[in-house]
Amino acid sequence: MPSAAVKAVSSPKPGWSCEICEKVAIFSVDVVCLVVSFFLGSNYRELAPLANAPQRISVWLTYGTGSHLLGYLCSAVVLLYWFWEHGHYSRRLPFWDGQRQVLRLFLAAATLEGAFLILLSEARFERIEFIASWVWALVLLSLGRIAIKMFLSGIGMWKRPTIIVGTGSNAVRAYAALSNERLMGYPIVAFALVEGQEYSDSVIETEQGSLPVIRLDRSSGDTLSRYGRPNFVVAPDSLSDLEKVVQSLSSYGSLTVIPPLGGLPLYGMEISHFFSHDLILMRVRNNLNRIGMQLVKRFFDLAFSILFLLFFWWIFVYFVLRIRATGGPAIFGHKRVGRHGKEFTCYKFRTMVTNAEVVLKDILAKDPEAAAEWARDFKMKDDPRIISIGRLLRRTSLDELPQIWNVLLGDMSLVGPRPIVAAELERYGQYVDYYLEAKPGITGIWQVSGRNNTTYSERVAQDVWYVRNWSLWYDLVVLLKTVAAVFRREGAY
């Protein structure tokens, strides 16, 4: 029989109307953004003569803005339907996963209108208006969704109090992931245990303070009532516990499950099941081992690097002149370990004095604290060897720009694991094969996740995750985050 706690959570509550309001609000913002984007991207003044007098449909279709309006309108309606079918108004997705879906659906909708315009051979195909409208739509819709969710959160409508069922390492990782995805609207209010589970303390310490550990049993109804209609996230430490926990909570309604699958390539994983058998079939793949994906990544690296050099060559000239003024060469080369263990010369702007190695040995011999910091991180936060312009280069990470030449040579990639020296390979332990499987990157997850504020083990975990879950989309995400990290200068020294 269902416990009192079950009845307290699963019974209907008056919050359903708020959920409808949230869906309507997000849908309305999408509609407004699509309409505004058409007018921003199009020569809308040409619509005036079409609206002043009745026109045959053939006249509209042969008129540039008229044909674009009809094609855009039809494609926008299809796009909104696709958003509805993919759960954009009913499910809460992690931000970058949602953005990936938005981009794919936008490209499909824009292709649909493009095909419509091309089929009208006599129409004046205004390419600039067509491209501008869809670019504006992608930008405004993305920003609009962020704004409406922040607004709804501010008035208390978007947030769903969330209880994580579990107290082990997987539950802590689930807490960290959900806390970083604030736009999902799942604030963690407590951890929970089911019958048969034990935990030695009544609270769990997190970065945001202490959270209570509650027990889900017949006596927990009053406790759960304080949270309204909590969302339950099941995050056990082992698959053997998963069945027991889900069975205990089956009467609570919909559950979100975060299984302990660390160590598997998660991106692109396909899951299916067998009829009448309690078995899950998971198909995993390592994208970096696929020849086609390697060619795609290489083409992306070359195209982006060449475009960057064409537009920003003057930045290189400026820093070369500033560094040369301090005496010595502007470019510094150092041996790093690349793919399959092959060593290569990794280029950087020189940020230190020319006799840096001699000075380093002297510092490590005389300063025990500096020696300990160097042994731990292979870096020093207050490094006396750095020249004046070098501090700016390091804080903005612009000292790594010459590595674009390494990308053109094929030794590095735009995005990848942090390039390391041979002495650091042993720090990767059992995960060293993952590092050797990929080309090092100018930027990567480490560079956009606090850089030197992270521990070495966290850096290794980030590099391993990247190799396991590589995709071109994640490369784009890291590049976008790198731009923001350059301006924040967080953890760079």
Protein backbone atom coordinates (compact mmCIF):
# COMPACT_ATOMS: atom_id res chain seq x y z
CA MET A 1 0.00 0.00 0.00
CA PRO A 2 1.20 3.51 -0.72
CA SER A 3 2.63 5.28 2.25
CA ALA A 4 1.52 8.65 3.60
CA ALA A 5 4.55 10.18 1.96
CA VAL A 6 3.42 8.83 -1.40
CA LYS A 7 -0.07 10.29 -0.98
CA ALA A 8 1.36 13.65 0.00
CA VAL A 9 3.37 13.90 -3.18
CA SER A 10 1.28 12.13 -5.81
CA SER A 11 -2.10 13.73 -5.00
CA PRO A 12 -3.20 16.56 -7.36
CA LYS A 13 -2.08 20.02 -6.34
CA PRO A 14 -3.13 23.46 -7.58
CA GLY A 15 0.24 24.00 -9.29
CA TRP A 16 -0.83 22.55 -12.65
CA SER A 17 -2.18 25.91 -13.82
CA CYS A 18 1.27 27.47 -13.26
CA GLU A 19 2.82 24.83 -15.50
CA ILE A 20 0.39 25.75 -18.27
CA CYS A 21 1.21 29.43 -17.78
CA GLU A 22 4.94 28.64 -18.06
CA LYS A 23 4.44 26.74 -21.31
CA VAL A 24 2.28 29.51 -22.76
CA ALA A 25 4.83 32.14 -21.72
CA ILE A 26 7.77 30.33 -23.38
CA PHE A 27 5.71 29.58 -26.50
CA SER A 28 4.59 33.23 -26.71
CA VAL A 29 8.19 34.45 -26.42
CA ASP A 30 9.18 32.12 -29.28
CA VAL A 31 6.38 33.54 -31.45
CA VAL A 32 7.31 37.14 -30.69
CA CYS A 33 11.00 36.49 -31.38
CA LEU A 34 10.20 34.87 -34.75
CA VAL A 35 7.99 37.80 -35.77
CA VAL A 36 10.51 40.44 -34.68
CA SER A 37 13.29 38.56 -36.47
CA PHE A 38 11.43 38.73 -39.78
CA PHE A 39 11.10 42.51 -39.58
CA LEU A 40 14.74 42.96 -38.45
CA GLY A 41 16.08 40.82 -41.27
CA SER A 42 13.75 41.87 -44.07
CA ASN A 43 13.02 44.96 -46.09
CA TYR A 44 9.61 45.17 -44.49
CA ARG A 45 8.85 48.54 -46.11
CA GLU A 46 8.17 46.65 -49.32
CA LEU A 47 5.18 45.03 -47.59
CA ALA A 48 3.28 48.33 -47.61
CA PRO A 49 2.31 48.36 -51.31
CA LEU A 50 1.29 44.70 -51.03
CA ALA A 51 -1.03 45.50 -48.13
CA ASN A 52 -2.66 48.58 -49.63
CA ALA A 53 -4.63 46.72 -52.25
CA PRO A 54 -5.81 43.15 -52.84
CA GLN A 55 -3.20 41.19 -54.76
CA ARG A 56 -3.32 37.85 -56.50
CA ILE A 57 -1.21 35.18 -54.86
CA SER A 58 0.93 35.00 -57.98
CA VAL A 59 1.88 38.67 -57.52
CA TRP A 60 2.88 38.00 -53.91
CA LEU A 61 5.00 35.04 -54.86
CA THR A 62 6.94 36.95 -57.52
CA TYR A 63 7.54 39.86 -55.17
CA GLY A 64 10.75 39.45 -53.15
CA THR A 65 9.54 40.30 -49.64
CA GLY A 66 6.12 38.79 -50.27
CA SER A 67 7.53 35.37 -51.19
CA HIS A 68 9.94 35.54 -48.24
CA LEU A 69 7.04 36.38 -45.91
CA LEU A 70 4.97 33.41 -47.03
CA GLY A 71 7.94 31.02 -46.91
CA TYR A 72 9.09 32.31 -43.51
CA LEU A 73 5.57 32.14 -42.08
CA CYS A 74 5.08 28.52 -43.13
CA SER A 75 8.53 27.49 -41.93
CA ALA A 76 8.04 29.28 -38.59
CA VAL A 77 4.77 27.43 -37.99
CA VAL A 78 6.52 24.11 -38.75
CA LEU A 79 9.38 25.12 -36.44
CA LEU A 80 7.02 25.82 -33.54
CA TYR A 81 5.35 22.45 -34.12
CA TRP A 82 8.77 20.75 -34.05
CA PHE A 83 9.60 22.52 -30.80
CA TRP A 84 6.35 21.20 -29.34
CA GLU A 85 7.00 17.65 -30.53
CA HIS A 86 10.56 17.66 -29.15
CA GLY A 87 9.31 18.71 -25.71
CA HIS A 88 10.69 22.24 -25.62
CA TYR A 89 7.50 23.42 -23.90
CA SER A 90 7.01 20.42 -21.63
CA ARG A 91 10.48 19.06 -20.72
CA ARG A 92 13.43 20.81 -19.13
CA LEU A 93 16.67 20.18 -20.97
CA PRO A 94 20.26 21.01 -19.99
CA PHE A 95 21.10 24.33 -21.66
CA TRP A 96 23.61 23.20 -24.29
CA ASP A 97 21.64 20.07 -25.12
CA GLY A 98 18.60 22.25 -25.70
CA GLN A 99 20.62 24.70 -27.82
CA ARG A 100 21.87 21.84 -29.98
CA GLN A 101 18.29 20.81 -30.69
CA VAL A 102 17.30 24.42 -31.38
CA LEU A 103 20.14 24.82 -33.89
CA ARG A 104 19.27 21.58 -35.70
CA LEU A 105 15.58 22.50 -35.95
CA PHE A 106 16.43 26.03 -37.12
CA LEU A 107 18.66 24.68 -39.87
CA ALA A 108 15.86 22.34 -40.96
CA ALA A 109 13.29 25.17 -40.97
CA ALA A 110 15.59 27.53 -42.88
CA THR A 111 16.30 24.78 -45.41
CA LEU A 112 12.54 24.29 -45.80
CA GLU A 113 12.01 27.96 -46.65
CA GLY A 114 15.07 27.98 -48.92
CA ALA A 115 13.65 25.06 -50.89
CA PHE A 116 10.30 26.87 -51.13
CA LEU A 117 11.94 30.01 -52.52
CA ILE A 118 14.11 28.09 -55.00
CA LEU A 119 11.06 26.27 -56.35
CA LEU A 120 9.55 29.66 -57.21
CA SER A 121 11.88 30.17 -60.14
CA GLU A 122 10.34 33.54 -61.05
CA ALA A 123 10.55 34.89 -57.50
CA ARG A 124 13.15 37.48 -56.55
CA PHE A 125 15.09 35.36 -54.05
CA GLU A 126 16.39 37.93 -51.56
CA ARG A 127 19.26 35.90 -50.07
CA ILE A 128 20.41 38.58 -47.63
CA GLU A 129 16.90 39.00 -46.19
CA PHE A 130 16.45 35.24 -45.98
CA ILE A 131 19.75 34.67 -44.13
CA ALA A 132 19.40 37.72 -41.88
CA SER A 133 15.88 36.76 -40.76
CA TRP A 134 16.92 33.27 -39.68
CA VAL A 135 20.12 34.45 -37.99
CA TRP A 136 18.13 37.03 -36.05
CA ALA A 137 15.57 34.37 -35.17
CA LEU A 138 18.19 32.00 -33.78
CA VAL A 139 19.81 34.72 -31.67
CA LEU A 140 16.62 36.33 -30.39
CA LEU A 141 14.86 33.06 -29.62
CA SER A 142 17.84 31.78 -27.62
CA LEU A 143 18.10 35.03 -25.67
CA GLY A 144 14.33 35.24 -25.30
CA ARG A 145 14.10 31.81 -23.69
CA ILE A 146 16.86 32.70 -21.25
CA ALA A 147 15.12 35.95 -20.36
CA ILE A 148 11.65 34.45 -19.85
CA LYS A 149 12.99 31.60 -17.71
CA MET A 150 14.94 34.06 -15.56
CA PHE A 151 11.83 36.22 -15.24
CA LEU A 152 9.63 33.27 -14.30
CA SER A 153 12.23 32.14 -11.76
CA GLY A 154 12.27 35.64 -10.31
CA ILE A 155 8.54 35.52 -9.61
CA GLY A 156 8.73 31.95 -8.29
CA MET A 157 6.92 30.17 -11.15
CA TRP A 158 9.71 28.24 -12.86
CA LYS A 159 11.43 26.64 -9.89
CA ARG A 160 10.62 23.05 -8.91
CA PRO A 161 12.01 22.02 -5.49
CA THR A 162 14.11 18.91 -6.14
CA ILE A 163 15.07 16.06 -3.82
CA ILE A 164 17.99 13.83 -4.78
CA VAL A 165 17.41 10.24 -3.69
CA GLY A 166 20.86 9.04 -2.71
CA THR A 167 23.75 10.23 -0.55
CA GLY A 168 26.82 8.78 -2.27
CA SER A 169 29.25 10.10 -4.86
CA ASN A 170 26.77 9.78 -7.72
CA ALA A 171 24.24 11.86 -5.78
CA VAL A 172 26.87 14.53 -5.13
CA ARG A 173 27.74 14.61 -8.85
CA ALA A 174 24.03 14.90 -9.66
CA TYR A 175 23.79 17.83 -7.26
CA ALA A 176 26.73 19.58 -8.94
CA ALA A 177 25.33 19.05 -12.45
CA LEU A 178 21.81 20.25 -11.60
CA SER A 179 23.15 23.23 -9.65
CA ASN A 180 25.15 24.33 -12.70
CA GLU A 181 22.02 24.14 -14.90
CA ARG A 182 20.08 26.91 -13.18
CA LEU A 183 17.80 27.54 -16.16
CA MET A 184 16.36 24.05 -15.70
CA GLY A 185 14.73 25.39 -12.55
CA TYR A 186 15.55 22.45 -10.27
CA PRO A 187 16.90 23.91 -7.00
CA ILE A 188 18.08 21.10 -4.73
CA VAL A 189 16.36 21.30 -1.35
CA ALA A 190 17.32 17.96 0.22
CA PHE A 191 18.85 14.52 -0.16
CA ALA A 192 16.76 11.47 0.68
CA LEU A 193 17.03 7.80 1.64
CA VAL A 194 14.54 4.99 1.08
CA GLU A 195 13.91 1.99 3.29
CA GLY A 196 17.02 -0.12 3.75
CA GLN A 197 19.47 2.73 3.05
CA GLU A 198 21.59 4.26 5.79
CA TYR A 199 23.61 7.45 6.18
CA SER A 200 25.60 8.47 9.22
CA ASP A 201 24.73 12.18 9.23
CA SER A 202 21.56 14.24 9.04
CA VAL A 203 22.99 16.77 6.56
CA ILE A 204 25.27 16.85 3.52
CA GLU A 205 27.66 19.76 3.10
CA THR A 206 27.59 21.40 -0.35
CA GLU A 207 29.13 24.49 -1.89
CA GLN A 208 25.89 26.36 -1.16
CA GLY A 209 25.58 25.21 2.44
CA SER A 210 24.14 22.28 4.36
CA LEU A 211 21.23 20.29 2.93
CA PRO A 212 19.10 17.94 5.06
CA VAL A 213 18.98 14.19 4.55
CA ILE A 214 15.39 12.98 4.91
CA ARG A 215 13.93 9.48 4.92
CA LEU A 216 11.11 8.54 2.55
CA ASP A 217 8.82 6.32 4.60
CA ARG A 218 5.39 6.38 6.14
CA SER A 219 6.35 9.16 8.54
CA SER A 220 7.79 11.57 5.94
CA GLY A 221 4.49 13.01 4.65
CA ASP A 222 4.65 16.12 6.83
CA THR A 223 8.29 16.69 5.93
CA LEU A 224 7.61 16.46 2.19
CA SER A 225 4.59 18.76 2.43
CA ARG A 226 6.96 21.63 3.24
CA TYR A 227 8.41 21.34 -0.27
CA GLY A 228 5.07 21.45 -2.11
CA ARG A 229 5.37 19.13 -5.10
CA PRO A 230 9.05 18.13 -5.10
CA ASN A 231 10.74 16.67 -8.13
CA PHE A 232 12.62 13.44 -7.36
CA VAL A 233 15.99 12.63 -8.92
CA VAL A 234 17.19 9.08 -8.25
CA ALA A 235 21.01 8.94 -8.18
CA PRO A 236 22.23 5.67 -6.59
CA ASP A 237 25.88 4.65 -6.43
CA SER A 238 25.38 1.25 -8.03
CA LEU A 239 23.04 -0.32 -10.56
CA SER A 240 22.17 -3.00 -8.03
CA ASP A 241 20.61 -0.30 -5.82
CA LEU A 242 18.73 1.30 -8.72
CA GLU A 243 15.99 -1.35 -8.98
CA LYS A 244 15.29 -1.22 -5.25
CA VAL A 245 15.11 2.57 -5.13
CA VAL A 246 12.90 2.91 -8.22
CA GLN A 247 10.57 0.20 -6.89
CA SER A 248 10.30 2.00 -3.54
CA LEU A 249 9.40 5.25 -5.30
CA SER A 250 7.20 3.85 -8.06
CA SER A 251 4.06 5.37 -6.55
CA TYR A 252 5.54 8.83 -6.45
CA GLY A 253 4.76 9.37 -10.12
CA SER A 254 7.36 10.56 -12.60
CA LEU A 255 10.99 10.08 -11.58
CA THR A 256 14.22 11.34 -13.06
CA VAL A 257 17.00 8.76 -12.93
CA ILE A 258 20.74 9.50 -13.08
CA PRO A 259 22.34 6.05 -13.22
CA PRO A 260 26.00 5.54 -12.22
CA LEU A 261 27.42 5.27 -15.73
CA GLY A 262 30.63 7.21 -15.22
CA GLY A 263 33.37 5.94 -17.50
CA LEU A 264 31.14 5.28 -20.51
CA PRO A 265 30.95 7.48 -23.63
CA LEU A 266 27.58 9.15 -22.99
CA TYR A 267 27.24 11.43 -26.01
CA GLY A 268 25.29 9.71 -28.76
CA MET A 269 24.47 6.70 -26.57
CA GLU A 270 21.47 4.80 -27.95
CA ILE A 271 19.27 2.96 -25.45
CA SER A 272 16.66 0.32 -26.20
CA HIS A 273 15.10 -2.59 -24.33
CA PHE A 274 13.82 -6.10 -24.98
CA PHE A 275 10.17 -7.12 -24.77
CA SER A 276 9.43 -9.11 -21.57
CA HIS A 277 13.05 -8.97 -20.40
CA ASP A 278 14.53 -6.66 -17.73
CA LEU A 279 17.48 -5.77 -19.94
CA ILE A 280 18.75 -2.52 -21.41
CA LEU A 281 20.70 -2.48 -24.64
CA MET A 282 23.14 0.45 -24.75
CA ARG A 283 25.11 1.25 -27.89
CA VAL A 284 28.13 3.43 -27.15
CA ARG A 285 30.74 4.77 -29.55
CA ASN A 286 33.96 6.73 -29.40
CA ASN A 287 33.58 9.44 -32.02
CA LEU A 288 37.28 10.31 -32.04
CA ASN A 289 38.07 6.82 -33.29
CA ARG A 290 35.83 7.18 -36.34
CA ILE A 291 37.67 8.20 -39.51
CA GLY A 292 34.79 10.33 -40.76
CA MET A 293 34.59 12.30 -37.53
CA GLN A 294 38.36 12.80 -37.51
CA LEU A 295 38.13 14.32 -41.00
CA VAL A 296 35.26 16.58 -39.88
CA LYS A 297 37.26 17.78 -36.88
CA ARG A 298 40.35 18.39 -39.04
CA PHE A 299 38.38 20.37 -41.62
CA PHE A 300 36.81 22.45 -38.84
CA ASP A 301 40.24 23.16 -37.32
CA LEU A 302 41.72 24.29 -40.64
CA ALA A 303 38.76 26.43 -41.70
CA PHE A 304 38.46 28.21 -38.36
CA SER A 305 42.21 28.78 -38.01
CA ILE A 306 42.58 30.25 -41.50
CA LEU A 307 39.60 32.57 -40.99
CA PHE A 308 40.98 33.69 -37.63
CA LEU A 309 44.36 34.53 -39.13
CA LEU A 310 42.75 36.47 -41.99
CA PHE A 311 40.75 38.68 -39.66
CA PHE A 312 43.02 38.99 -36.62
CA TRP A 313 46.58 38.94 -38.00
CA TRP A 314 47.12 42.44 -36.57
CA ILE A 315 46.85 41.05 -33.00
CA PHE A 316 49.88 38.85 -33.67
CA VAL A 317 51.86 41.79 -35.04
CA TYR A 318 51.04 43.95 -32.01
CA PHE A 319 52.16 41.37 -29.45
CA VAL A 320 55.27 40.41 -31.41
CA LEU A 321 56.41 44.05 -31.36
CA ARG A 322 55.62 44.45 -27.64
CA ILE A 323 57.49 41.27 -26.66
CA ARG A 324 60.50 41.97 -28.88
CA ALA A 325 60.84 45.32 -27.12
CA THR A 326 61.73 43.45 -23.90
CA GLY A 327 64.66 41.73 -25.60
CA GLY A 328 64.75 38.25 -27.01
CA PRO A 329 62.42 36.36 -29.40
CA ALA A 330 58.64 36.85 -29.36
CA ILE A 331 57.73 33.18 -29.88
CA PHE A 332 58.69 30.47 -27.40
CA GLY A 333 58.67 26.77 -28.25
CA HIS A 334 58.42 23.96 -25.73
CA LYS A 335 58.19 20.19 -26.13
CA ARG A 336 54.76 18.71 -25.48
CA VAL A 337 53.30 15.22 -25.86
CA GLY A 338 50.83 14.87 -28.69
CA ARG A 339 48.59 12.17 -30.08
CA HIS A 340 49.93 8.61 -29.80
CA GLY A 341 52.77 9.92 -27.60
CA LYS A 342 54.49 11.84 -30.41
CA GLU A 343 56.39 14.87 -29.12
CA PHE A 344 56.06 18.21 -30.91
CA THR A 345 57.11 21.81 -30.39
CA CYS A 346 54.21 23.75 -28.89
CA TYR A 347 54.41 27.47 -29.67
CA LYS A 348 53.45 30.34 -27.38
CA PHE A 349 54.12 34.02 -27.06
CA ARG A 350 57.10 34.42 -24.74
CA THR A 351 55.80 35.64 -21.40
CA MET A 352 58.95 35.06 -19.32
CA VAL A 353 62.49 36.28 -19.17
CA THR A 354 64.86 34.63 -21.65
CA ASN A 355 66.73 32.64 -18.95
CA ALA A 356 63.52 31.30 -17.38
CA GLU A 357 64.85 27.78 -16.74
CA VAL A 358 67.85 29.06 -14.80
CA VAL A 359 65.68 31.39 -12.74
CA LEU A 360 63.22 28.55 -12.05
CA LYS A 361 65.92 26.27 -10.67
CA ASP A 362 67.11 29.05 -8.39
CA ILE A 363 63.55 29.73 -7.13
CA LEU A 364 62.79 26.06 -6.45
CA ALA A 365 66.05 25.67 -4.57
CA LYS A 366 65.48 28.69 -2.32
CA ASP A 367 61.67 28.75 -1.83
CA PRO A 368 60.10 25.55 -0.40
CA GLU A 369 56.53 26.88 -0.85
CA ALA A 370 57.17 27.65 -4.51
CA ALA A 371 58.75 24.23 -4.95
CA ALA A 372 55.68 22.54 -3.43
CA GLU A 373 53.33 24.54 -5.66
CA TRP A 374 55.38 23.64 -8.74
CA ALA A 375 55.42 19.95 -7.82
CA ARG A 376 51.65 20.00 -7.35
CA ASP A 377 50.52 22.01 -10.42
CA PHE A 378 53.61 22.59 -12.62
CA LYS A 379 52.73 26.30 -12.24
CA MET A 380 53.29 29.18 -9.83
CA LYS A 381 50.59 31.77 -9.25
CA ASP A 382 53.05 34.61 -8.55
CA ASP A 383 55.80 33.67 -10.96
CA PRO A 384 58.65 36.23 -10.81
CA ARG A 385 59.90 35.13 -14.24
CA ILE A 386 56.96 36.74 -16.08
CA ILE A 387 57.61 39.96 -18.02
CA SER A 388 55.17 42.91 -17.90
CA ILE A 389 53.30 42.23 -21.16
CA GLY A 390 53.39 38.54 -20.24
CA ARG A 391 50.97 39.05 -17.35
CA LEU A 392 48.34 40.46 -19.71
CA LEU A 393 48.88 37.62 -22.15
CA ARG A 394 48.49 34.99 -19.45
CA ARG A 395 45.47 36.52 -17.77
CA THR A 396 43.66 36.67 -21.11
CA SER A 397 45.13 33.35 -22.35
CA LEU A 398 46.30 35.16 -25.50
CA ASP A 399 49.79 33.77 -25.00
CA GLU A 400 48.49 30.57 -26.65
CA LEU A 401 47.52 32.21 -29.96
CA PRO A 402 50.70 31.05 -31.79
CA GLN A 403 49.44 27.50 -31.30
CA ILE A 404 47.23 28.15 -34.32
CA TRP A 405 50.40 27.31 -36.28
CA ASN A 406 50.45 23.95 -34.46
CA VAL A 407 46.85 23.43 -35.58
CA LEU A 408 47.74 24.16 -39.20
CA LEU A 409 50.66 21.70 -38.95
CA GLY A 410 48.33 19.03 -37.58
CA ASP A 411 50.05 18.65 -34.18
CA MET A 412 47.16 20.22 -32.25
CA SER A 413 43.46 20.89 -32.51
CA LEU A 414 41.44 23.99 -31.67
CA VAL A 415 39.73 22.09 -28.85
CA GLY A 416 41.21 19.14 -26.99
CA PRO A 417 43.01 18.02 -23.84
CA ARG A 418 45.49 20.43 -22.26
CA PRO A 419 48.96 19.92 -23.86
CA ILE A 420 51.31 18.45 -21.25
CA VAL A 421 54.99 17.63 -20.91
CA ALA A 422 56.23 14.04 -20.73
CA ALA A 423 56.72 14.23 -16.96
CA GLU A 424 52.97 14.80 -16.49
CA LEU A 425 51.89 11.59 -18.25
CA GLU A 426 52.24 9.59 -15.04
CA ARG A 427 49.74 11.96 -13.38
CA TYR A 428 47.06 10.57 -15.72
CA GLY A 429 47.53 7.07 -14.31
CA GLN A 430 45.09 4.55 -15.79
CA TYR A 431 43.55 7.27 -17.98
CA VAL A 432 46.72 8.08 -19.93
CA ASP A 433 45.44 6.22 -23.01
CA TYR A 434 42.58 8.71 -23.28
CA TYR A 435 45.02 11.60 -23.42
CA LEU A 436 47.16 9.89 -26.06
CA GLU A 437 44.06 9.18 -28.15
CA ALA A 438 43.40 12.83 -29.04
CA LYS A 439 45.35 15.82 -30.27
CA PRO A 440 45.98 18.44 -27.56
CA GLY A 441 43.90 21.60 -27.92
CA ILE A 442 44.52 25.34 -27.79
CA THR A 443 41.46 25.44 -25.55
CA GLY A 444 39.42 22.81 -23.81
CA ILE A 445 37.11 22.08 -20.90
CA TRP A 446 39.88 22.86 -18.42
CA GLN A 447 40.37 26.35 -19.87
CA VAL A 448 36.65 27.20 -19.51
CA SER A 449 36.16 25.58 -16.08
CA GLY A 450 38.26 27.72 -13.78
CA ARG A 451 41.67 26.84 -15.27
CA ASN A 452 44.28 26.94 -12.50
CA ASN A 453 41.60 27.09 -9.80
CA THR A 454 40.90 23.40 -10.46
CA THR A 455 42.91 20.53 -9.01
CA TYR A 456 45.10 18.35 -11.21
CA SER A 457 42.79 15.36 -10.78
CA GLU A 458 39.87 17.52 -11.95
CA ARG A 459 41.87 18.51 -15.04
CA VAL A 460 42.52 14.85 -15.82
CA ALA A 461 38.81 14.03 -15.39
CA GLN A 462 37.84 16.88 -17.73
CA ASP A 463 40.30 15.75 -20.42
CA VAL A 464 39.06 12.16 -20.15
CA TRP A 465 35.41 13.25 -20.38
CA TYR A 466 36.16 15.28 -23.50
CA VAL A 467 37.80 12.35 -25.30
CA ARG A 468 35.00 9.95 -24.35
CA ASN A 469 32.22 12.31 -25.40
CA TRP A 470 33.68 14.30 -28.29
CA SER A 471 31.34 15.92 -30.79
CA LEU A 472 31.64 18.89 -33.11
CA TRP A 473 28.82 20.54 -31.16
CA TYR A 474 30.82 20.36 -27.92
CA ASP A 475 33.80 21.88 -29.73
CA LEU A 476 31.59 24.84 -30.68
CA VAL A 477 30.34 25.12 -27.10
CA VAL A 478 33.91 25.17 -25.72
CA LEU A 479 34.94 27.84 -28.24
CA LEU A 480 31.99 30.03 -27.22
CA LYS A 481 32.81 29.52 -23.55
CA THR A 482 36.48 30.33 -24.26
CA VAL A 483 35.53 33.80 -25.50
CA ALA A 484 33.66 34.42 -22.24
CA ALA A 485 36.55 32.99 -20.18
CA VAL A 486 39.03 35.35 -21.86
CA PHE A 487 37.02 38.34 -20.67
CA ARG A 488 36.40 36.91 -17.18
CA ARG A 489 40.10 35.99 -16.74
CA GLU A 490 38.99 33.45 -14.15
CA GLY A 491 41.77 31.19 -12.90
CA ALA A 492 44.29 32.41 -15.50
CA TYR A 493 47.83 33.28 -14.37
